[in-house]
Amino acid sequence: MTVRNTGTTAVKGWRLDFAFPGEQKLDHAWNARATQQGRQVRATHESWTETIPAGGAVSFGFNGSSIAGTNGVPASFALNGSTCTTS
């Protein structure tokens, strides 16, 4: 995943929240700390990805698994509590 800052000031200390639409389970994340409770996932910065400069971006990823046949895409994301757009 890539979190892009389209603003004019840096974002320091980011947190991205989203919900899996199905039975996906978070297994392992890199470039972020990620936790899951039920379907809710929270990814937070690592020390080396803490700041997203104005106009910049940070990327992180995770492995997951599912007991269902398909893995749906989350419907919405919130960065530091504010809904953000996806592309």
PDB file of N, CA and C in Angstrom:
ATOM      1  N   MET A   1       0.844  -1.152   0.000  1.00  0.00           N
ATOM      2  CA  MET A   1       0.000   0.000   0.000  1.00  0.00           C
ATOM      3  C   MET A   1       0.898   1.225   0.000  1.00  0.00           C
ATOM      4  N   THR A   2       0.414   2.279  -0.625  1.00  0.00           N
ATOM      5  CA  THR A   2       1.135   3.552  -0.634  1.00  0.00           C
ATOM      6  C   THR A   2       0.235   4.617  -0.036  1.00  0.00           C
ATOM      7  N   VAL A   3       0.769   5.341   0.926  1.00  0.00           N
ATOM      8  CA  VAL A   3       0.062   6.463   1.542  1.00  0.00           C
ATOM      9  C   VAL A   3       0.721   7.724   0.994  1.00  0.00           C
ATOM     10  N   ARG A   4      -0.042   8.509   0.251  1.00  0.00           N
ATOM     11  CA  ARG A   4       0.476   9.702  -0.402  1.00  0.00           C
ATOM     12  C   ARG A   4      -0.069  10.943   0.292  1.00  0.00           C
ATOM     13  N   ASN A   5       0.818  11.881   0.571  1.00  0.00           N
ATOM     14  CA  ASN A   5       0.453  13.150   1.190  1.00  0.00           C
ATOM     15  C   ASN A   5       0.279  14.189   0.089  1.00  0.00           C
ATOM     16  N   THR A   6      -0.952  14.569  -0.179  1.00  0.00           N
ATOM     17  CA  THR A   6      -1.221  15.583  -1.205  1.00  0.00           C
ATOM     18  C   THR A   6      -1.281  16.987  -0.608  1.00  0.00           C
ATOM     19  N   GLY A   7      -1.021  17.098   0.680  1.00  0.00           N
ATOM     20  CA  GLY A   7      -1.060  18.396   1.353  1.00  0.00           C
ATOM     21  C   GLY A   7       0.224  19.185   1.180  1.00  0.00           C
ATOM     22  N   THR A   8       0.242  20.340   1.818  1.00  0.00           N
ATOM     23  CA  THR A   8       1.399  21.240   1.705  1.00  0.00           C
ATOM     24  C   THR A   8       2.307  21.195   2.927  1.00  0.00           C
ATOM     25  N   THR A   9       1.932  20.391   3.931  1.00  0.00           N
ATOM     26  CA  THR A   9       2.785  20.222   5.109  1.00  0.00           C
ATOM     27  C   THR A   9       3.018  18.732   5.355  1.00  0.00           C
ATOM     28  N   ALA A  10       4.094  18.432   6.009  1.00  0.00           N
ATOM     29  CA  ALA A  10       4.434  17.044   6.302  1.00  0.00           C
ATOM     30  C   ALA A  10       3.451  16.439   7.304  1.00  0.00           C
ATOM     31  N   VAL A  11       3.236  15.143   7.195  1.00  0.00           N
ATOM     32  CA  VAL A  11       2.441  14.391   8.166  1.00  0.00           C
ATOM     33  C   VAL A  11       3.430  13.578   8.983  1.00  0.00           C
ATOM     34  N   LYS A  12       3.464  13.829  10.278  1.00  0.00           N
ATOM     35  CA  LYS A  12       4.392  13.104  11.141  1.00  0.00           C
ATOM     36  C   LYS A  12       3.589  12.203  12.069  1.00  0.00           C
ATOM     37  N   GLY A  13       3.961  10.946  12.125  1.00  0.00           N
ATOM     38  CA  GLY A  13       3.285  10.005  13.013  1.00  0.00           C
ATOM     39  C   GLY A  13       1.967   9.523  12.444  1.00  0.00           C
ATOM     40  N   TRP A  14       1.979   8.890  11.288  1.00  0.00           N
ATOM     41  CA  TRP A  14       0.741   8.478  10.628  1.00  0.00           C
ATOM     42  C   TRP A  14       0.198   7.152  11.143  1.00  0.00           C
ATOM     43  N   ARG A  15      -1.125   6.993  10.941  1.00  0.00           N
ATOM     44  CA  ARG A  15      -1.861   5.775  11.301  1.00  0.00           C
ATOM     45  C   ARG A  15      -2.932   5.573  10.232  1.00  0.00           C
ATOM     46  N   LEU A  16      -2.993   4.403   9.639  1.00  0.00           N
ATOM     47  CA  LEU A  16      -3.988   4.106   8.615  1.00  0.00           C
ATOM     48  C   LEU A  16      -4.902   3.001   9.123  1.00  0.00           C
ATOM     49  N   ASP A  17      -6.212   3.267   9.119  1.00  0.00           N
ATOM     50  CA  ASP A  17      -7.213   2.297   9.572  1.00  0.00           C
ATOM     51  C   ASP A  17      -8.089   1.885   8.401  1.00  0.00           C
ATOM     52  N   PHE A  18      -8.401   0.593   8.344  1.00  0.00           N
ATOM     53  CA  PHE A  18      -9.326   0.077   7.342  1.00  0.00           C
ATOM     54  C   PHE A  18      -9.890  -1.245   7.838  1.00  0.00           C
ATOM     55  N   ALA A  19     -10.917  -1.727   7.149  1.00  0.00           N
ATOM     56  CA  ALA A  19     -11.550  -2.994   7.527  1.00  0.00           C
ATOM     57  C   ALA A  19     -11.518  -3.950   6.348  1.00  0.00           C
ATOM     58  N   PHE A  20     -11.124  -5.180   6.604  1.00  0.00           N
ATOM     59  CA  PHE A  20     -11.217  -6.214   5.583  1.00  0.00           C
ATOM     60  C   PHE A  20     -12.692  -6.536   5.369  1.00  0.00           C
ATOM     61  N   PRO A  21     -13.143  -6.687   4.127  1.00  0.00           N
ATOM     62  CA  PRO A  21     -14.549  -6.983   3.877  1.00  0.00           C
ATOM     63  C   PRO A  21     -14.908  -8.460   4.064  1.00  0.00           C
ATOM     64  N   GLY A  22     -13.925  -9.313   4.165  1.00  0.00           N
ATOM     65  CA  GLY A  22     -14.200 -10.747   4.275  1.00  0.00           C
ATOM     66  C   GLY A  22     -13.474 -11.363   5.451  1.00  0.00           C
ATOM     67  N   GLU A  23     -13.016 -12.550   5.264  1.00  0.00           N
ATOM     68  CA  GLU A  23     -12.374 -13.317   6.334  1.00  0.00           C
ATOM     69  C   GLU A  23     -10.848 -13.262   6.274  1.00  0.00           C
ATOM     70  N   GLN A  24     -10.282 -12.203   5.698  1.00  0.00           N
ATOM     71  CA  GLN A  24      -8.838 -12.089   5.600  1.00  0.00           C
ATOM     72  C   GLN A  24      -8.201 -11.965   6.976  1.00  0.00           C
ATOM     73  N   LYS A  25      -7.022 -12.519   7.084  1.00  0.00           N
ATOM     74  CA  LYS A  25      -6.236 -12.432   8.318  1.00  0.00           C
ATOM     75  C   LYS A  25      -4.869 -11.857   7.992  1.00  0.00           C
ATOM     76  N   LEU A  26      -4.470 -10.868   8.737  1.00  0.00           N
ATOM     77  CA  LEU A  26      -3.169 -10.240   8.605  1.00  0.00           C
ATOM     78  C   LEU A  26      -2.113 -11.184   9.164  1.00  0.00           C
ATOM     79  N   ASP A  27      -1.090 -11.471   8.362  1.00  0.00           N
ATOM     80  CA  ASP A  27      -0.047 -12.388   8.820  1.00  0.00           C
ATOM     81  C   ASP A  27       1.269 -11.694   9.157  1.00  0.00           C
ATOM     82  N   HIS A  28       1.716 -10.792   8.327  1.00  0.00           N
ATOM     83  CA  HIS A  28       3.025 -10.181   8.506  1.00  0.00           C
ATOM     84  C   HIS A  28       3.051  -8.854   7.748  1.00  0.00           C
ATOM     85  N   ALA A  29       3.614  -7.814   8.326  1.00  0.00           N
ATOM     86  CA  ALA A  29       3.700  -6.509   7.663  1.00  0.00           C
ATOM     87  C   ALA A  29       5.150  -6.049   7.604  1.00  0.00           C
ATOM     88  N   TRP A  30       5.444  -5.191   6.631  1.00  0.00           N
ATOM     89  CA  TRP A  30       6.763  -4.587   6.535  1.00  0.00           C
ATOM     90  C   TRP A  30       6.622  -3.094   6.249  1.00  0.00           C
ATOM     91  N   ASN A  31       7.568  -2.313   6.733  1.00  0.00           N
ATOM     92  CA  ASN A  31       7.595  -0.847   6.667  1.00  0.00           C
ATOM     93  C   ASN A  31       6.473  -0.187   7.456  1.00  0.00           C
ATOM     94  N   ALA A  32       5.761  -0.955   8.269  1.00  0.00           N
ATOM     95  CA  ALA A  32       4.725  -0.431   9.171  1.00  0.00           C
ATOM     96  C   ALA A  32       4.469  -1.497  10.230  1.00  0.00           C
ATOM     97  N   ARG A  33       3.926  -1.072  11.346  1.00  0.00           N
ATOM     98  CA  ARG A  33       3.425  -2.019  12.349  1.00  0.00           C
ATOM     99  C   ARG A  33       1.945  -2.182  12.065  1.00  0.00           C
ATOM    100  N   ALA A  34       1.489  -3.410  11.989  1.00  0.00           N
ATOM    101  CA  ALA A  34       0.073  -3.636  11.674  1.00  0.00           C
ATOM    102  C   ALA A  34      -0.534  -4.603  12.679  1.00  0.00           C
ATOM    103  N   THR A  35      -1.759  -4.280  13.094  1.00  0.00           N
ATOM    104  CA  THR A  35      -2.500  -5.124  14.020  1.00  0.00           C
ATOM    105  C   THR A  35      -3.902  -5.323  13.462  1.00  0.00           C
ATOM    106  N   GLN A  36      -4.550  -6.384  13.902  1.00  0.00           N
ATOM    107  CA  GLN A  36      -5.905  -6.667  13.458  1.00  0.00           C
ATOM    108  C   GLN A  36      -6.739  -7.127  14.630  1.00  0.00           C
ATOM    109  N   GLN A  37      -7.962  -6.584  14.727  1.00  0.00           N
ATOM    110  CA  GLN A  37      -8.959  -7.037  15.687  1.00  0.00           C
ATOM    111  C   GLN A  37     -10.244  -7.239  14.909  1.00  0.00           C
ATOM    112  N   GLY A  38     -10.681  -8.492  14.815  1.00  0.00           N
ATOM    113  CA  GLY A  38     -11.821  -8.798  13.962  1.00  0.00           C
ATOM    114  C   GLY A  38     -11.450  -8.467  12.531  1.00  0.00           C
ATOM    115  N   ARG A  39     -12.267  -7.646  11.888  1.00  0.00           N
ATOM    116  CA  ARG A  39     -11.970  -7.212  10.522  1.00  0.00           C
ATOM    117  C   ARG A  39     -11.186  -5.903  10.470  1.00  0.00           C
ATOM    118  N   GLN A  40     -11.068  -5.214  11.604  1.00  0.00           N
ATOM    119  CA  GLN A  40     -10.411  -3.908  11.657  1.00  0.00           C
ATOM    120  C   GLN A  40      -8.886  -4.058  11.659  1.00  0.00           C
ATOM    121  N   VAL A  41      -8.235  -3.313  10.767  1.00  0.00           N
ATOM    122  CA  VAL A  41      -6.778  -3.324  10.664  1.00  0.00           C
ATOM    123  C   VAL A  41      -6.263  -1.915  10.927  1.00  0.00           C
ATOM    124  N   ARG A  42      -5.172  -1.828  11.656  1.00  0.00           N
ATOM    125  CA  ARG A  42      -4.501  -0.548  11.897  1.00  0.00           C
ATOM    126  C   ARG A  42      -3.028  -0.720  11.557  1.00  0.00           C
ATOM    127  N   ALA A  43      -2.541   0.138  10.667  1.00  0.00           N
ATOM    128  CA  ALA A  43      -1.119   0.180  10.331  1.00  0.00           C
ATOM    129  C   ALA A  43      -0.564   1.498  10.839  1.00  0.00           C
ATOM    130  N   THR A  44       0.543   1.442  11.531  1.00  0.00           N
ATOM    131  CA  THR A  44       1.194   2.653  12.031  1.00  0.00           C
ATOM    132  C   THR A  44       2.643   2.656  11.563  1.00  0.00           C
ATOM    133  N   HIS A  45       3.198   3.829  11.536  1.00  0.00           N
ATOM    134  CA  HIS A  45       4.548   4.029  11.019  1.00  0.00           C
ATOM    135  C   HIS A  45       5.602   3.261  11.806  1.00  0.00           C
ATOM    136  N   GLU A  46       6.678   2.978  11.141  1.00  0.00           N
ATOM    137  CA  GLU A  46       7.921   2.553  11.780  1.00  0.00           C
ATOM    138  C   GLU A  46       8.776   3.808  11.933  1.00  0.00           C
ATOM    139  N   SER A  47       9.885   3.706  12.638  1.00  0.00           N
ATOM    140  CA  SER A  47      10.716   4.899  12.846  1.00  0.00           C
ATOM    141  C   SER A  47      11.224   5.470  11.518  1.00  0.00           C
ATOM    142  N   TRP A  48      11.488   4.621  10.535  1.00  0.00           N
ATOM    143  CA  TRP A  48      12.018   5.089   9.252  1.00  0.00           C
ATOM    144  C   TRP A  48      10.924   5.512   8.263  1.00  0.00           C
ATOM    145  N   THR A  49       9.647   5.321   8.614  1.00  0.00           N
ATOM    146  CA  THR A  49       8.539   5.766   7.755  1.00  0.00           C
ATOM    147  C   THR A  49       7.636   6.755   8.485  1.00  0.00           C
ATOM    148  N   GLU A  50       8.125   7.325   9.577  1.00  0.00           N
ATOM    149  CA  GLU A  50       7.290   8.153  10.447  1.00  0.00           C
ATOM    150  C   GLU A  50       6.743   9.396   9.760  1.00  0.00           C
ATOM    151  N   THR A  51       7.530  10.052   8.942  1.00  0.00           N
ATOM    152  CA  THR A  51       7.120  11.315   8.340  1.00  0.00           C
ATOM    153  C   THR A  51       6.823  11.127   6.850  1.00  0.00           C
ATOM    154  N   ILE A  52       5.674  11.638   6.433  1.00  0.00           N
ATOM    155  CA  ILE A  52       5.332  11.675   5.011  1.00  0.00           C
ATOM    156  C   ILE A  52       5.476  13.133   4.586  1.00  0.00           C
ATOM    157  N   PRO A  53       6.502  13.457   3.808  1.00  0.00           N
ATOM    158  CA  PRO A  53       6.695  14.854   3.438  1.00  0.00           C
ATOM    159  C   PRO A  53       5.564  15.377   2.556  1.00  0.00           C
ATOM    160  N   ALA A  54       5.392  16.686   2.535  1.00  0.00           N
ATOM    161  CA  ALA A  54       4.391  17.296   1.650  1.00  0.00           C
ATOM    162  C   ALA A  54       4.674  16.854   0.225  1.00  0.00           C
ATOM    163  N   GLY A  55       3.656  16.321  -0.443  1.00  0.00           N
ATOM    164  CA  GLY A  55       3.824  15.836  -1.807  1.00  0.00           C
ATOM    165  C   GLY A  55       4.508  14.485  -1.909  1.00  0.00           C
ATOM    166  N   GLY A  56       4.868  13.898  -0.783  1.00  0.00           N
ATOM    167  CA  GLY A  56       5.591  12.633  -0.772  1.00  0.00           C
ATOM    168  C   GLY A  56       4.694  11.456  -0.427  1.00  0.00           C
ATOM    169  N   ALA A  57       5.323  10.306  -0.243  1.00  0.00           N
ATOM    170  CA  ALA A  57       4.566   9.096   0.043  1.00  0.00           C
ATOM    171  C   ALA A  57       5.434   8.111   0.831  1.00  0.00           C
ATOM    172  N   VAL A  58       4.767   7.212   1.521  1.00  0.00           N
ATOM    173  CA  VAL A  58       5.423   6.067   2.145  1.00  0.00           C
ATOM    174  C   VAL A  58       4.666   4.819   1.696  1.00  0.00           C
ATOM    175  N   SER A  59       5.388   3.733   1.585  1.00  0.00           N
ATOM    176  CA  SER A  59       4.771   2.469   1.186  1.00  0.00           C
ATOM    177  C   SER A  59       5.008   1.420   2.254  1.00  0.00           C
ATOM    178  N   PHE A  60       4.034   0.544   2.418  1.00  0.00           N
ATOM    179  CA  PHE A  60       4.178  -0.597   3.297  1.00  0.00           C
ATOM    180  C   PHE A  60       3.392  -1.748   2.694  1.00  0.00           C
ATOM    181  N   GLY A  61       3.608  -2.907   3.202  1.00  0.00           N
ATOM    182  CA  GLY A  61       2.891  -4.063   2.691  1.00  0.00           C
ATOM    183  C   GLY A  61       2.621  -5.056   3.793  1.00  0.00           C
ATOM    184  N   PHE A  62       1.836  -6.067   3.455  1.00  0.00           N
ATOM    185  CA  PHE A  62       1.555  -7.130   4.407  1.00  0.00           C
ATOM    186  C   PHE A  62       1.174  -8.392   3.660  1.00  0.00           C
ATOM    187  N   ASN A  63       1.400  -9.499   4.298  1.00  0.00           N
ATOM    188  CA  ASN A  63       0.911 -10.781   3.820  1.00  0.00           C
ATOM    189  C   ASN A  63      -0.385 -11.068   4.547  1.00  0.00           C
ATOM    190  N   GLY A  64      -1.246 -11.777   3.890  1.00  0.00           N
ATOM    191  CA  GLY A  64      -2.506 -12.130   4.508  1.00  0.00           C
ATOM    192  C   GLY A  64      -2.970 -13.488   4.030  1.00  0.00           C
ATOM    193  N   SER A  65      -3.966 -13.986   4.700  1.00  0.00           N
ATOM    194  CA  SER A  65      -4.562 -15.257   4.310  1.00  0.00           C
ATOM    195  C   SER A  65      -6.075 -15.130   4.473  1.00  0.00           C
ATOM    196  N   SER A  66      -6.788 -16.088   3.904  1.00  0.00           N
ATOM    197  CA  SER A  66      -8.240 -16.045   3.961  1.00  0.00           C
ATOM    198  C   SER A  66      -8.785 -17.461   3.984  1.00  0.00           C
ATOM    199  N   ILE A  67      -9.847 -17.655   4.765  1.00  0.00           N
ATOM    200  CA  ILE A  67     -10.499 -18.960   4.760  1.00  0.00           C
ATOM    201  C   ILE A  67     -11.585 -19.007   3.690  1.00  0.00           C
ATOM    202  N   ALA A  68     -11.910 -17.847   3.106  1.00  0.00           N
ATOM    203  CA  ALA A  68     -12.896 -17.759   2.027  1.00  0.00           C
ATOM    204  C   ALA A  68     -12.160 -17.834   0.690  1.00  0.00           C
ATOM    205  N   GLY A  69     -12.884 -17.987  -0.373  1.00  0.00           N
ATOM    206  CA  GLY A  69     -12.276 -18.134  -1.687  1.00  0.00           C
ATOM    207  C   GLY A  69     -11.633 -16.886  -2.251  1.00  0.00           C
ATOM    208  N   THR A  70     -12.158 -15.706  -1.939  1.00  0.00           N
ATOM    209  CA  THR A  70     -11.614 -14.477  -2.508  1.00  0.00           C
ATOM    210  C   THR A  70     -11.308 -13.468  -1.414  1.00  0.00           C
ATOM    211  N   ASN A  71     -10.417 -12.558  -1.730  1.00  0.00           N
ATOM    212  CA  ASN A  71     -10.053 -11.478  -0.816  1.00  0.00           C
ATOM    213  C   ASN A  71     -10.550 -10.169  -1.396  1.00  0.00           C
ATOM    214  N   GLY A  72     -11.551  -9.571  -0.779  1.00  0.00           N
ATOM    215  CA  GLY A  72     -12.086  -8.309  -1.260  1.00  0.00           C
ATOM    216  C   GLY A  72     -11.195  -7.143  -0.873  1.00  0.00           C
ATOM    217  N   VAL A  73     -11.439  -6.015  -1.513  1.00  0.00           N
ATOM    218  CA  VAL A  73     -10.702  -4.784  -1.253  1.00  0.00           C
ATOM    219  C   VAL A  73     -11.455  -3.974  -0.207  1.00  0.00           C
ATOM    220  N   PRO A  74     -10.758  -3.408   0.792  1.00  0.00           N
ATOM    221  CA  PRO A  74     -11.439  -2.560   1.771  1.00  0.00           C
ATOM    222  C   PRO A  74     -12.182  -1.409   1.089  1.00  0.00           C
ATOM    223  N   ALA A  75     -13.340  -1.044   1.630  1.00  0.00           N
ATOM    224  CA  ALA A  75     -14.172   0.000   1.031  1.00  0.00           C
ATOM    225  C   ALA A  75     -13.684   1.404   1.346  1.00  0.00           C
ATOM    226  N   SER A  76     -13.036   1.592   2.498  1.00  0.00           N
ATOM    227  CA  SER A  76     -12.596   2.933   2.865  1.00  0.00           C
ATOM    228  C   SER A  76     -11.377   2.856   3.768  1.00  0.00           C
ATOM    229  N   PHE A  77     -10.670   3.967   3.828  1.00  0.00           N
ATOM    230  CA  PHE A  77      -9.469   4.091   4.636  1.00  0.00           C
ATOM    231  C   PHE A  77      -9.536   5.401   5.399  1.00  0.00           C
ATOM    232  N   ALA A  78      -8.924   5.437   6.579  1.00  0.00           N
ATOM    233  CA  ALA A  78      -8.825   6.678   7.353  1.00  0.00           C
ATOM    234  C   ALA A  78      -7.367   6.870   7.758  1.00  0.00           C
ATOM    235  N   LEU A  79      -6.838   8.027   7.459  1.00  0.00           N
ATOM    236  CA  LEU A  79      -5.470   8.389   7.823  1.00  0.00           C
ATOM    237  C   LEU A  79      -5.542   9.344   9.010  1.00  0.00           C
ATOM    238  N   ASN A  80      -4.993   8.926  10.142  1.00  0.00           N
ATOM    239  CA  ASN A  80      -5.025   9.717  11.370  1.00  0.00           C
ATOM    240  C   ASN A  80      -6.450  10.162  11.710  1.00  0.00           C
ATOM    241  N   GLY A  81      -7.418   9.269  11.456  1.00  0.00           N
ATOM    242  CA  GLY A  81      -8.802   9.532  11.813  1.00  0.00           C
ATOM    243  C   GLY A  81      -9.630  10.244  10.749  1.00  0.00           C
ATOM    244  N   SER A  82      -9.007  10.700   9.664  1.00  0.00           N
ATOM    245  CA  SER A  82      -9.748  11.394   8.603  1.00  0.00           C
ATOM    246  C   SER A  82      -9.860  10.485   7.380  1.00  0.00           C
ATOM    247  N   THR A  83     -11.071  10.389   6.836  1.00  0.00           N
ATOM    248  CA  THR A  83     -11.288   9.577   5.647  1.00  0.00           C
ATOM    249  C   THR A  83     -10.401  10.080   4.516  1.00  0.00           C
ATOM    250  N   CYS A  84      -9.798   9.143   3.800  1.00  0.00           N
ATOM    251  CA  CYS A  84      -8.949   9.537   2.673  1.00  0.00           C
ATOM    252  C   CYS A  84      -9.410   8.848   1.405  1.00  0.00           C
ATOM    253  N   THR A  85      -8.989   9.372   0.281  1.00  0.00           N
ATOM    254  CA  THR A  85      -9.374   8.835  -1.008  1.00  0.00           C
ATOM    255  C   THR A  85      -8.446   7.690  -1.395  1.00  0.00           C
ATOM    256  N   THR A  86      -8.917   6.862  -2.297  1.00  0.00           N
ATOM    257  CA  THR A  86      -8.113   5.744  -2.790  1.00  0.00           C
ATOM    258  C   THR A  86      -7.967   5.852  -4.295  1.00  0.00           C
ATOM    259  N   SER A  87      -6.900   5.289  -4.779  1.00  0.00           N
ATOM    260  CA  SER A  87      -6.719   5.223  -6.240  1.00  0.00           C
ATOM    261  C   SER A  87      -5.863   4.043  -6.594  1.00  0.00           C
TER     262      SER A  87
END
